[in-house]
PDB file of all heavy atoms in Angstrom:
ATOM      1  N   TYR A   1     -45.973  -3.391 -42.646  1.00  0.00           N
ATOM      2  CA  TYR A   1     -46.056  -3.109 -44.115  1.00  0.00           C
ATOM      3  C   TYR A   1     -46.998  -1.994 -44.323  1.00  0.00           C
ATOM      4  O   TYR A   1     -46.811  -1.163 -45.286  1.00  0.00           O
ATOM      5  CB  TYR A   1     -46.525  -4.393 -44.921  1.00  0.00           C
ATOM      6  CG  TYR A   1     -45.442  -5.369 -45.191  1.00  0.00           C
ATOM      7  CD1 TYR A   1     -45.737  -6.745 -45.127  1.00  0.00           C
ATOM      8  CD2 TYR A   1     -44.147  -4.973 -45.647  1.00  0.00           C
ATOM      9  CE1 TYR A   1     -44.740  -7.680 -45.466  1.00  0.00           C
ATOM     10  CE2 TYR A   1     -43.164  -5.836 -45.869  1.00  0.00           C
ATOM     11  CZ  TYR A   1     -43.368  -7.306 -45.818  1.00  0.00           C
ATOM     12  OH  TYR A   1     -42.473  -8.089 -46.134  1.00  0.00           O
ATOM     13  N   MET A   2     -48.055  -1.883 -43.533  1.00  0.00           N
ATOM     14  CA  MET A   2     -49.022  -0.768 -43.704  1.00  0.00           C
ATOM     15  C   MET A   2     -48.317   0.589 -43.281  1.00  0.00           C
ATOM     16  O   MET A   2     -48.469   1.579 -43.985  1.00  0.00           O
ATOM     17  CB  MET A   2     -50.314  -0.997 -42.935  1.00  0.00           C
ATOM     18  CG  MET A   2     -51.079  -2.265 -43.294  1.00  0.00           C
ATOM     19  SD  MET A   2     -51.542  -2.292 -45.037  1.00  0.00           S
ATOM     20  CE  MET A   2     -50.331  -3.401 -45.750  1.00  0.00           C
ATOM     21  N   VAL A   3     -47.529   0.505 -42.174  1.00  0.00           N
ATOM     22  CA  VAL A   3     -46.796   1.645 -41.719  1.00  0.00           C
ATOM     23  C   VAL A   3     -45.786   2.044 -42.774  1.00  0.00           C
ATOM     24  O   VAL A   3     -45.540   3.197 -43.022  1.00  0.00           O
ATOM     25  CB  VAL A   3     -46.146   1.298 -40.372  1.00  0.00           C
ATOM     26  CG1 VAL A   3     -45.287   2.520 -39.962  1.00  0.00           C
ATOM     27  CG2 VAL A   3     -47.169   1.086 -39.265  1.00  0.00           C
ATOM     28  N   ALA A   4     -45.218   1.091 -43.508  1.00  0.00           N
ATOM     29  CA  ALA A   4     -44.241   1.355 -44.529  1.00  0.00           C
ATOM     30  C   ALA A   4     -44.850   1.917 -45.771  1.00  0.00           C
ATOM     31  O   ALA A   4     -44.060   2.326 -46.764  1.00  0.00           O
ATOM     32  CB  ALA A   4     -43.420   0.098 -44.855  1.00  0.00           C
ATOM     33  N   GLY A   5     -46.161   1.895 -45.910  1.00  0.00           N
ATOM     34  CA  GLY A   5     -46.820   2.474 -47.042  1.00  0.00           C
ATOM     35  C   GLY A   5     -47.048   1.565 -48.226  1.00  0.00           C
ATOM     36  O   GLY A   5     -47.317   2.070 -49.322  1.00  0.00           O
ATOM     37  N   PHE A   6     -47.098   0.239 -48.058  1.00  0.00           N
ATOM     38  CA  PHE A   6     -47.378  -0.679 -49.112  1.00  0.00           C
ATOM     39  C   PHE A   6     -48.860  -0.765 -49.518  1.00  0.00           C
ATOM     40  O   PHE A   6     -49.210  -1.392 -50.474  1.00  0.00           O
ATOM     41  CB  PHE A   6     -46.796  -2.070 -48.880  1.00  0.00           C
ATOM     42  CG  PHE A   6     -45.326  -2.139 -49.039  1.00  0.00           C
ATOM     43  CD1 PHE A   6     -44.398  -2.087 -47.936  1.00  0.00           C
ATOM     44  CD2 PHE A   6     -44.777  -2.339 -50.236  1.00  0.00           C
ATOM     45  CE1 PHE A   6     -43.086  -2.229 -48.150  1.00  0.00           C
ATOM     46  CE2 PHE A   6     -43.395  -2.369 -50.485  1.00  0.00           C
ATOM     47  CZ  PHE A   6     -42.565  -2.322 -49.395  1.00  0.00           C
ATOM     48  N   ASP A   7     -49.678  -0.221 -48.645  1.00  0.00           N
ATOM     49  CA  ASP A   7     -51.113  -0.049 -48.871  1.00  0.00           C
ATOM     50  C   ASP A   7     -51.902  -1.389 -48.828  1.00  0.00           C
ATOM     51  O   ASP A   7     -52.856  -1.430 -48.092  1.00  0.00           O
ATOM     52  CB  ASP A   7     -51.349   0.642 -50.179  1.00  0.00           C
ATOM     53  CG  ASP A   7     -52.739   1.213 -50.314  1.00  0.00           C
ATOM     54  OD1 ASP A   7     -53.169   2.057 -49.480  1.00  0.00           O
ATOM     55  OD2 ASP A   7     -53.562   0.727 -51.163  1.00  0.00           O
ATOM     56  N   ARG A   8     -51.595  -2.287 -49.654  1.00  0.00           N
ATOM     57  CA  ARG A   8     -52.257  -3.626 -49.665  1.00  0.00           C
ATOM     58  C   ARG A   8     -51.283  -4.725 -49.784  1.00  0.00           C
ATOM     59  O   ARG A   8     -50.514  -4.823 -50.711  1.00  0.00           O
ATOM     60  CB  ARG A   8     -53.336  -3.674 -50.822  1.00  0.00           C
ATOM     61  CG  ARG A   8     -54.487  -2.687 -50.633  1.00  0.00           C
ATOM     62  CD  ARG A   8     -55.522  -2.846 -51.687  1.00  0.00           C
ATOM     63  NE  ARG A   8     -56.676  -2.057 -51.378  1.00  0.00           N
ATOM     64  CZ  ARG A   8     -57.890  -2.281 -51.818  1.00  0.00           C
ATOM     65  NH1 ARG A   8     -58.126  -3.174 -52.760  1.00  0.00           N
ATOM     66  NH2 ARG A   8     -58.996  -1.533 -51.477  1.00  0.00           N
ATOM     67  N   TYR A   9     -51.379  -5.690 -48.811  1.00  0.00           N
ATOM     68  CA  TYR A   9     -50.483  -6.863 -48.827  1.00  0.00           C
ATOM     69  C   TYR A   9     -51.240  -8.136 -48.730  1.00  0.00           C
ATOM     70  O   TYR A   9     -52.348  -8.212 -48.192  1.00  0.00           O
ATOM     71  CB  TYR A   9     -49.594  -6.716 -47.528  1.00  0.00           C
ATOM     72  CG  TYR A   9     -49.349  -7.980 -46.785  1.00  0.00           C
ATOM     73  CD1 TYR A   9     -48.242  -8.757 -46.960  1.00  0.00           C
ATOM     74  CD2 TYR A   9     -50.240  -8.513 -45.819  1.00  0.00           C
ATOM     75  CE1 TYR A   9     -47.921  -9.963 -46.347  1.00  0.00           C
ATOM     76  CE2 TYR A   9     -50.089  -9.662 -45.128  1.00  0.00           C
ATOM     77  CZ  TYR A   9     -48.857 -10.346 -45.384  1.00  0.00           C
ATOM     78  OH  TYR A   9     -48.669 -11.525 -44.700  1.00  0.00           O
ATOM     79  N   PHE A  10     -50.649  -9.178 -49.293  1.00  0.00           N
ATOM     80  CA  PHE A  10     -51.252 -10.543 -49.064  1.00  0.00           C
ATOM     81  C   PHE A  10     -50.107 -11.507 -49.134  1.00  0.00           C
ATOM     82  O   PHE A  10     -49.020 -11.289 -49.630  1.00  0.00           O
ATOM     83  CB  PHE A  10     -52.356 -10.867 -50.030  1.00  0.00           C
ATOM     84  CG  PHE A  10     -51.920 -11.481 -51.340  1.00  0.00           C
ATOM     85  CD1 PHE A  10     -51.845 -12.852 -51.554  1.00  0.00           C
ATOM     86  CD2 PHE A  10     -51.542 -10.632 -52.435  1.00  0.00           C
ATOM     87  CE1 PHE A  10     -51.542 -13.413 -52.716  1.00  0.00           C
ATOM     88  CE2 PHE A  10     -51.218 -11.206 -53.659  1.00  0.00           C
ATOM     89  CZ  PHE A  10     -51.115 -12.630 -53.745  1.00  0.00           C
ATOM     90  N   GLN A  11     -50.316 -12.771 -48.676  1.00  0.00           N
ATOM     91  CA  GLN A  11     -49.402 -13.802 -48.589  1.00  0.00           C
ATOM     92  C   GLN A  11     -50.122 -15.072 -48.354  1.00  0.00           C
ATOM     93  O   GLN A  11     -51.029 -15.173 -47.563  1.00  0.00           O
ATOM     94  CB  GLN A  11     -48.433 -13.493 -47.525  1.00  0.00           C
ATOM     95  CG  GLN A  11     -47.218 -14.438 -47.506  1.00  0.00           C
ATOM     96  CD  GLN A  11     -46.248 -14.179 -46.417  1.00  0.00           C
ATOM     97  OE1 GLN A  11     -45.170 -14.721 -46.300  1.00  0.00           O
ATOM     98  NE2 GLN A  11     -46.567 -13.183 -45.474  1.00  0.00           N
ATOM     99  N   ILE A  12     -49.706 -16.138 -49.066  1.00  0.00           N
ATOM    100  CA  ILE A  12     -50.196 -17.520 -48.679  1.00  0.00           C
ATOM    101  C   ILE A  12     -48.956 -18.058 -47.911  1.00  0.00           C
ATOM    102  O   ILE A  12     -47.940 -18.384 -48.451  1.00  0.00           O
ATOM    103  CB  ILE A  12     -50.485 -18.381 -49.958  1.00  0.00           C
ATOM    104  CG1 ILE A  12     -51.625 -17.713 -50.690  1.00  0.00           C
ATOM    105  CG2 ILE A  12     -50.800 -19.809 -49.467  1.00  0.00           C
ATOM    106  CD1 ILE A  12     -51.982 -18.497 -51.990  1.00  0.00           C
ATOM    107  N   VAL A  13     -49.157 -18.114 -46.551  1.00  0.00           N
ATOM    108  CA  VAL A  13     -47.930 -18.267 -45.657  1.00  0.00           C
ATOM    109  C   VAL A  13     -48.125 -19.423 -44.719  1.00  0.00           C
ATOM    110  O   VAL A  13     -49.171 -19.821 -44.302  1.00  0.00           O
ATOM    111  CB  VAL A  13     -47.819 -16.950 -44.921  1.00  0.00           C
ATOM    112  CG1 VAL A  13     -49.105 -16.664 -44.008  1.00  0.00           C
ATOM    113  CG2 VAL A  13     -46.622 -16.922 -44.089  1.00  0.00           C
ATOM    114  N   LYS A  14     -46.928 -20.035 -44.404  1.00  0.00           N
ATOM    115  CA  LYS A  14     -46.802 -20.986 -43.374  1.00  0.00           C
ATOM    116  C   LYS A  14     -46.732 -20.378 -41.988  1.00  0.00           C
ATOM    117  O   LYS A  14     -46.050 -19.391 -41.842  1.00  0.00           O
ATOM    118  CB  LYS A  14     -45.578 -21.915 -43.585  1.00  0.00           C
ATOM    119  CG  LYS A  14     -45.784 -22.906 -44.711  1.00  0.00           C
ATOM    120  CD  LYS A  14     -46.542 -24.111 -44.234  1.00  0.00           C
ATOM    121  CE  LYS A  14     -46.494 -25.289 -45.250  1.00  0.00           C
ATOM    122  NZ  LYS A  14     -47.481 -26.343 -44.864  1.00  0.00           N
ATOM    123  N   CYS A  15     -47.466 -20.930 -41.038  1.00  0.00           N
ATOM    124  CA  CYS A  15     -47.419 -20.559 -39.628  1.00  0.00           C
ATOM    125  C   CYS A  15     -47.182 -21.747 -38.769  1.00  0.00           C
ATOM    126  O   CYS A  15     -47.348 -22.902 -39.147  1.00  0.00           O
ATOM    127  CB  CYS A  15     -48.779 -19.839 -39.261  1.00  0.00           C
ATOM    128  SG  CYS A  15     -49.189 -18.488 -40.303  1.00  0.00           S
ATOM    129  N   PHE A  16     -46.721 -21.471 -37.576  1.00  0.00           N
ATOM    130  CA  PHE A  16     -46.161 -22.557 -36.714  1.00  0.00           C
ATOM    131  C   PHE A  16     -46.739 -22.301 -35.266  1.00  0.00           C
ATOM    132  O   PHE A  16     -46.553 -21.247 -34.710  1.00  0.00           O
ATOM    133  CB  PHE A  16     -44.687 -22.580 -36.671  1.00  0.00           C
ATOM    134  CG  PHE A  16     -44.063 -22.608 -37.993  1.00  0.00           C
ATOM    135  CD1 PHE A  16     -43.793 -21.425 -38.670  1.00  0.00           C
ATOM    136  CD2 PHE A  16     -43.814 -23.783 -38.632  1.00  0.00           C
ATOM    137  CE1 PHE A  16     -43.264 -21.449 -39.966  1.00  0.00           C
ATOM    138  CE2 PHE A  16     -43.224 -23.847 -39.848  1.00  0.00           C
ATOM    139  CZ  PHE A  16     -42.933 -22.605 -40.608  1.00  0.00           C
ATOM    140  N   ARG A  17     -47.286 -23.368 -34.695  1.00  0.00           N
ATOM    141  CA  ARG A  17     -47.730 -23.336 -33.237  1.00  0.00           C
ATOM    142  C   ARG A  17     -47.476 -24.693 -32.597  1.00  0.00           C
ATOM    143  O   ARG A  17     -47.890 -25.731 -33.183  1.00  0.00           O
ATOM    144  CB  ARG A  17     -49.305 -22.990 -33.209  1.00  0.00           C
ATOM    145  CG  ARG A  17     -49.588 -21.550 -33.686  1.00  0.00           C
ATOM    146  CD  ARG A  17     -51.049 -21.256 -33.588  1.00  0.00           C
ATOM    147  NE  ARG A  17     -51.345 -19.897 -34.154  1.00  0.00           N
ATOM    148  CZ  ARG A  17     -52.539 -19.456 -34.405  1.00  0.00           C
ATOM    149  NH1 ARG A  17     -53.583 -20.067 -33.961  1.00  0.00           N
ATOM    150  NH2 ARG A  17     -52.687 -18.265 -34.862  1.00  0.00           N
ATOM    151  N   ASP A  18     -46.797 -24.633 -31.512  1.00  0.00           N
ATOM    152  CA  ASP A  18     -46.460 -25.787 -30.704  1.00  0.00           C
ATOM    153  C   ASP A  18     -47.581 -26.156 -29.785  1.00  0.00           C
ATOM    154  O   ASP A  18     -47.543 -26.030 -28.492  1.00  0.00           O
ATOM    155  CB  ASP A  18     -45.163 -25.601 -30.029  1.00  0.00           C
ATOM    156  CG  ASP A  18     -44.595 -26.844 -29.357  1.00  0.00           C
ATOM    157  OD1 ASP A  18     -45.127 -27.957 -29.596  1.00  0.00           O
ATOM    158  OD2 ASP A  18     -43.757 -26.773 -28.529  1.00  0.00           O
ATOM    159  N   GLU A  19     -48.756 -26.596 -30.327  1.00  0.00           N
ATOM    160  CA  GLU A  19     -49.862 -26.823 -29.542  1.00  0.00           C
ATOM    161  C   GLU A  19     -50.268 -28.332 -29.597  1.00  0.00           C
ATOM    162  O   GLU A  19     -49.832 -29.063 -30.489  1.00  0.00           O
ATOM    163  CB  GLU A  19     -51.112 -26.031 -29.986  1.00  0.00           C
ATOM    164  CG  GLU A  19     -50.917 -24.537 -30.007  1.00  0.00           C
ATOM    165  CD  GLU A  19     -52.142 -23.789 -30.479  1.00  0.00           C
ATOM    166  OE1 GLU A  19     -52.817 -24.237 -31.468  1.00  0.00           O
ATOM    167  OE2 GLU A  19     -52.479 -22.751 -29.857  1.00  0.00           O
ATOM    168  N   ASP A  20     -51.145 -28.724 -28.640  1.00  0.00           N
ATOM    169  CA  ASP A  20     -51.651 -30.141 -28.689  1.00  0.00           C
ATOM    170  C   ASP A  20     -52.504 -30.240 -29.980  1.00  0.00           C
ATOM    171  O   ASP A  20     -53.285 -29.384 -30.252  1.00  0.00           O
ATOM    172  CB  ASP A  20     -52.451 -30.446 -27.479  1.00  0.00           C
ATOM    173  CG  ASP A  20     -51.562 -30.460 -26.136  1.00  0.00           C
ATOM    174  OD1 ASP A  20     -50.341 -30.720 -26.265  1.00  0.00           O
ATOM    175  OD2 ASP A  20     -52.081 -30.286 -25.102  1.00  0.00           O
ATOM    176  N   LEU A  21     -52.386 -31.347 -30.666  1.00  0.00           N
ATOM    177  CA  LEU A  21     -53.008 -31.437 -31.977  1.00  0.00           C
ATOM    178  C   LEU A  21     -54.327 -32.137 -31.836  1.00  0.00           C
ATOM    179  O   LEU A  21     -54.563 -32.931 -30.988  1.00  0.00           O
ATOM    180  CB  LEU A  21     -52.139 -32.179 -32.940  1.00  0.00           C
ATOM    181  CG  LEU A  21     -50.702 -31.624 -33.025  1.00  0.00           C
ATOM    182  CD1 LEU A  21     -49.865 -32.367 -34.121  1.00  0.00           C
ATOM    183  CD2 LEU A  21     -50.773 -30.141 -33.422  1.00  0.00           C
ATOM    184  N   ARG A  22     -55.165 -31.876 -32.788  1.00  0.00           N
ATOM    185  CA  ARG A  22     -56.400 -32.608 -32.931  1.00  0.00           C
ATOM    186  C   ARG A  22     -56.813 -32.651 -34.400  1.00  0.00           C
ATOM    187  O   ARG A  22     -55.898 -32.428 -35.297  1.00  0.00           O
ATOM    188  CB  ARG A  22     -57.631 -31.812 -32.120  1.00  0.00           C
ATOM    189  CG  ARG A  22     -57.807 -30.399 -32.642  1.00  0.00           C
ATOM    190  CD  ARG A  22     -58.914 -29.722 -31.788  1.00  0.00           C
ATOM    191  NE  ARG A  22     -59.273 -28.443 -32.414  1.00  0.00           N
ATOM    192  CZ  ARG A  22     -59.412 -27.334 -31.790  1.00  0.00           C
ATOM    193  NH1 ARG A  22     -59.270 -27.407 -30.448  1.00  0.00           N
ATOM    194  NH2 ARG A  22     -59.776 -26.246 -32.300  1.00  0.00           N
ATOM    195  N   GLY A  23     -58.076 -33.168 -34.688  1.00  0.00           N
ATOM    196  CA  GLY A  23     -58.374 -33.393 -36.137  1.00  0.00           C
ATOM    197  C   GLY A  23     -58.167 -32.190 -37.110  1.00  0.00           C
ATOM    198  O   GLY A  23     -57.821 -32.343 -38.226  1.00  0.00           O
ATOM    199  N   ASP A  24     -58.403 -31.003 -36.623  1.00  0.00           N
ATOM    200  CA  ASP A  24     -58.268 -29.885 -37.529  1.00  0.00           C
ATOM    201  C   ASP A  24     -57.059 -28.953 -37.142  1.00  0.00           C
ATOM    202  O   ASP A  24     -57.111 -27.715 -37.461  1.00  0.00           O
ATOM    203  CB  ASP A  24     -59.542 -29.049 -37.497  1.00  0.00           C
ATOM    204  CG  ASP A  24     -59.906 -28.455 -36.188  1.00  0.00           C
ATOM    205  OD1 ASP A  24     -59.261 -28.848 -35.141  1.00  0.00           O
ATOM    206  OD2 ASP A  24     -60.821 -27.617 -36.045  1.00  0.00           O
ATOM    207  N   ARG A  25     -56.002 -29.470 -36.467  1.00  0.00           N
ATOM    208  CA  ARG A  25     -54.830 -28.741 -36.189  1.00  0.00           C
ATOM    209  C   ARG A  25     -53.602 -29.425 -36.620  1.00  0.00           C
ATOM    210  O   ARG A  25     -53.459 -30.667 -36.482  1.00  0.00           O
ATOM    211  CB  ARG A  25     -54.805 -28.470 -34.678  1.00  0.00           C
ATOM    212  CG  ARG A  25     -55.618 -27.345 -34.145  1.00  0.00           C
ATOM    213  CD  ARG A  25     -55.453 -27.019 -32.728  1.00  0.00           C
ATOM    214  NE  ARG A  25     -56.203 -25.897 -32.244  1.00  0.00           N
ATOM    215  CZ  ARG A  25     -56.329 -25.438 -31.016  1.00  0.00           C
ATOM    216  NH1 ARG A  25     -55.595 -26.152 -30.034  1.00  0.00           N
ATOM    217  NH2 ARG A  25     -57.015 -24.459 -30.624  1.00  0.00           N
ATOM    218  N   GLN A  26     -52.577 -28.629 -36.971  1.00  0.00           N
ATOM    219  CA  GLN A  26     -51.228 -29.167 -37.334  1.00  0.00           C
ATOM    220  C   GLN A  26     -50.208 -28.186 -36.773  1.00  0.00           C
ATOM    221  O   GLN A  26     -50.480 -27.001 -36.613  1.00  0.00           O
ATOM    222  CB  GLN A  26     -51.138 -29.340 -38.831  1.00  0.00           C
ATOM    223  CG  GLN A  26     -51.769 -30.572 -39.436  1.00  0.00           C
ATOM    224  CD  GLN A  26     -50.936 -31.804 -39.249  1.00  0.00           C
ATOM    225  OE1 GLN A  26     -49.818 -31.921 -39.753  1.00  0.00           O
ATOM    226  NE2 GLN A  26     -51.511 -32.722 -38.506  1.00  0.00           N
ATOM    227  N   PRO A  27     -49.019 -28.713 -36.446  1.00  0.00           N
ATOM    228  CA  PRO A  27     -48.043 -27.756 -35.908  1.00  0.00           C
ATOM    229  C   PRO A  27     -47.581 -26.668 -36.954  1.00  0.00           C
ATOM    230  O   PRO A  27     -47.157 -25.586 -36.583  1.00  0.00           O
ATOM    231  CB  PRO A  27     -46.803 -28.696 -35.529  1.00  0.00           C
ATOM    232  CG  PRO A  27     -47.073 -29.948 -36.360  1.00  0.00           C
ATOM    233  CD  PRO A  27     -48.588 -30.087 -36.474  1.00  0.00           C
ATOM    234  N   GLU A  28     -47.656 -27.043 -38.235  1.00  0.00           N
ATOM    235  CA  GLU A  28     -47.433 -26.067 -39.273  1.00  0.00           C
ATOM    236  C   GLU A  28     -48.556 -26.075 -40.192  1.00  0.00           C
ATOM    237  O   GLU A  28     -49.150 -27.151 -40.565  1.00  0.00           O
ATOM    238  CB  GLU A  28     -46.097 -26.294 -40.055  1.00  0.00           C
ATOM    239  CG  GLU A  28     -45.964 -27.772 -40.575  1.00  0.00           C
ATOM    240  CD  GLU A  28     -44.682 -28.032 -41.275  1.00  0.00           C
ATOM    241  OE1 GLU A  28     -44.211 -27.128 -41.994  1.00  0.00           O
ATOM    242  OE2 GLU A  28     -44.082 -29.101 -41.159  1.00  0.00           O
ATOM    243  N   PHE A  29     -49.075 -24.872 -40.477  1.00  0.00           N
ATOM    244  CA  PHE A  29     -50.336 -24.737 -41.224  1.00  0.00           C
ATOM    245  C   PHE A  29     -50.203 -23.563 -42.159  1.00  0.00           C
ATOM    246  O   PHE A  29     -49.295 -22.714 -42.066  1.00  0.00           O
ATOM    247  CB  PHE A  29     -51.590 -24.681 -40.275  1.00  0.00           C
ATOM    248  CG  PHE A  29     -51.425 -23.539 -39.349  1.00  0.00           C
ATOM    249  CD1 PHE A  29     -51.958 -22.316 -39.566  1.00  0.00           C
ATOM    250  CD2 PHE A  29     -50.716 -23.706 -38.137  1.00  0.00           C
ATOM    251  CE1 PHE A  29     -51.869 -21.281 -38.682  1.00  0.00           C
ATOM    252  CE2 PHE A  29     -50.620 -22.621 -37.222  1.00  0.00           C
ATOM    253  CZ  PHE A  29     -51.274 -21.441 -37.388  1.00  0.00           C
ATOM    254  N   THR A  30     -51.151 -23.486 -43.053  1.00  0.00           N
ATOM    255  CA  THR A  30     -51.081 -22.419 -44.116  1.00  0.00           C
ATOM    256  C   THR A  30     -52.310 -21.493 -43.930  1.00  0.00           C
ATOM    257  O   THR A  30     -53.416 -21.949 -43.753  1.00  0.00           O
ATOM    258  CB  THR A  30     -51.147 -23.018 -45.520  1.00  0.00           C
ATOM    259  OG1 THR A  30     -50.062 -23.986 -45.584  1.00  0.00           O
ATOM    260  CG2 THR A  30     -50.884 -21.957 -46.581  1.00  0.00           C
ATOM    261  N   GLN A  31     -52.055 -20.183 -44.101  1.00  0.00           N
ATOM    262  CA  GLN A  31     -53.130 -19.268 -44.087  1.00  0.00           C
ATOM    263  C   GLN A  31     -53.009 -18.291 -45.194  1.00  0.00           C
ATOM    264  O   GLN A  31     -51.949 -17.974 -45.689  1.00  0.00           O
ATOM    265  CB  GLN A  31     -53.318 -18.564 -42.751  1.00  0.00           C
ATOM    266  CG  GLN A  31     -52.170 -17.626 -42.352  1.00  0.00           C
ATOM    267  CD  GLN A  31     -52.469 -17.070 -40.890  1.00  0.00           C
ATOM    268  OE1 GLN A  31     -52.892 -17.672 -40.033  1.00  0.00           O
ATOM    269  NE2 GLN A  31     -52.098 -15.854 -40.701  1.00  0.00           N
ATOM    270  N   ILE A  32     -54.209 -17.835 -45.637  1.00  0.00           N
ATOM    271  CA  ILE A  32     -54.314 -16.742 -46.640  1.00  0.00           C
ATOM    272  C   ILE A  32     -54.313 -15.371 -45.793  1.00  0.00           C
ATOM    273  O   ILE A  32     -55.240 -15.207 -45.093  1.00  0.00           O
ATOM    274  CB  ILE A  32     -55.549 -16.801 -47.529  1.00  0.00           C
ATOM    275  CG1 ILE A  32     -55.623 -18.193 -48.174  1.00  0.00           C
ATOM    276  CG2 ILE A  32     -55.571 -15.670 -48.557  1.00  0.00           C
ATOM    277  CD1 ILE A  32     -56.937 -18.471 -48.787  1.00  0.00           C
ATOM    278  N   ASP A  33     -53.336 -14.597 -45.888  1.00  0.00           N
ATOM    279  CA  ASP A  33     -53.129 -13.452 -45.020  1.00  0.00           C
ATOM    280  C   ASP A  33     -53.227 -12.217 -45.861  1.00  0.00           C
ATOM    281  O   ASP A  33     -52.662 -12.072 -46.885  1.00  0.00           O
ATOM    282  CB  ASP A  33     -51.809 -13.521 -44.314  1.00  0.00           C
ATOM    283  CG  ASP A  33     -51.716 -12.731 -43.084  1.00  0.00           C
ATOM    284  OD1 ASP A  33     -52.621 -12.864 -42.205  1.00  0.00           O
ATOM    285  OD2 ASP A  33     -50.792 -11.888 -42.928  1.00  0.00           O
ATOM    286  N   LEU A  34     -54.032 -11.223 -45.373  1.00  0.00           N
ATOM    287  CA  LEU A  34     -54.074  -9.893 -46.157  1.00  0.00           C
ATOM    288  C   LEU A  34     -54.271  -8.823 -45.161  1.00  0.00           C
ATOM    289  O   LEU A  34     -54.783  -8.969 -44.090  1.00  0.00           O
ATOM    290  CB  LEU A  34     -55.185  -9.969 -47.120  1.00  0.00           C
ATOM    291  CG  LEU A  34     -56.664 -10.173 -46.671  1.00  0.00           C
ATOM    292  CD1 LEU A  34     -57.297  -8.765 -46.391  1.00  0.00           C
ATOM    293  CD2 LEU A  34     -57.507 -10.860 -47.718  1.00  0.00           C
ATOM    294  N   GLU A  35     -53.914  -7.628 -45.610  1.00  0.00           N
ATOM    295  CA  GLU A  35     -53.983  -6.430 -44.774  1.00  0.00           C
ATOM    296  C   GLU A  35     -54.098  -5.263 -45.794  1.00  0.00           C
ATOM    297  O   GLU A  35     -53.566  -5.251 -46.899  1.00  0.00           O
ATOM    298  CB  GLU A  35     -52.726  -6.178 -43.965  1.00  0.00           C
ATOM    299  CG  GLU A  35     -52.886  -5.192 -42.780  1.00  0.00           C
ATOM    300  CD  GLU A  35     -53.601  -5.764 -41.547  1.00  0.00           C
ATOM    301  OE1 GLU A  35     -53.866  -6.952 -41.563  1.00  0.00           O
ATOM    302  OE2 GLU A  35     -53.821  -5.044 -40.658  1.00  0.00           O
TER     303      GLU A  35
END
């Protein structure tokens, strides 16, 4: 998106990781993402 010239981006986005889980991990989780 930066290469495309949008200058500033953000998203509240779902992400996915197939990892062993513990108290503060989930296979799908949400992050505030910005660039």
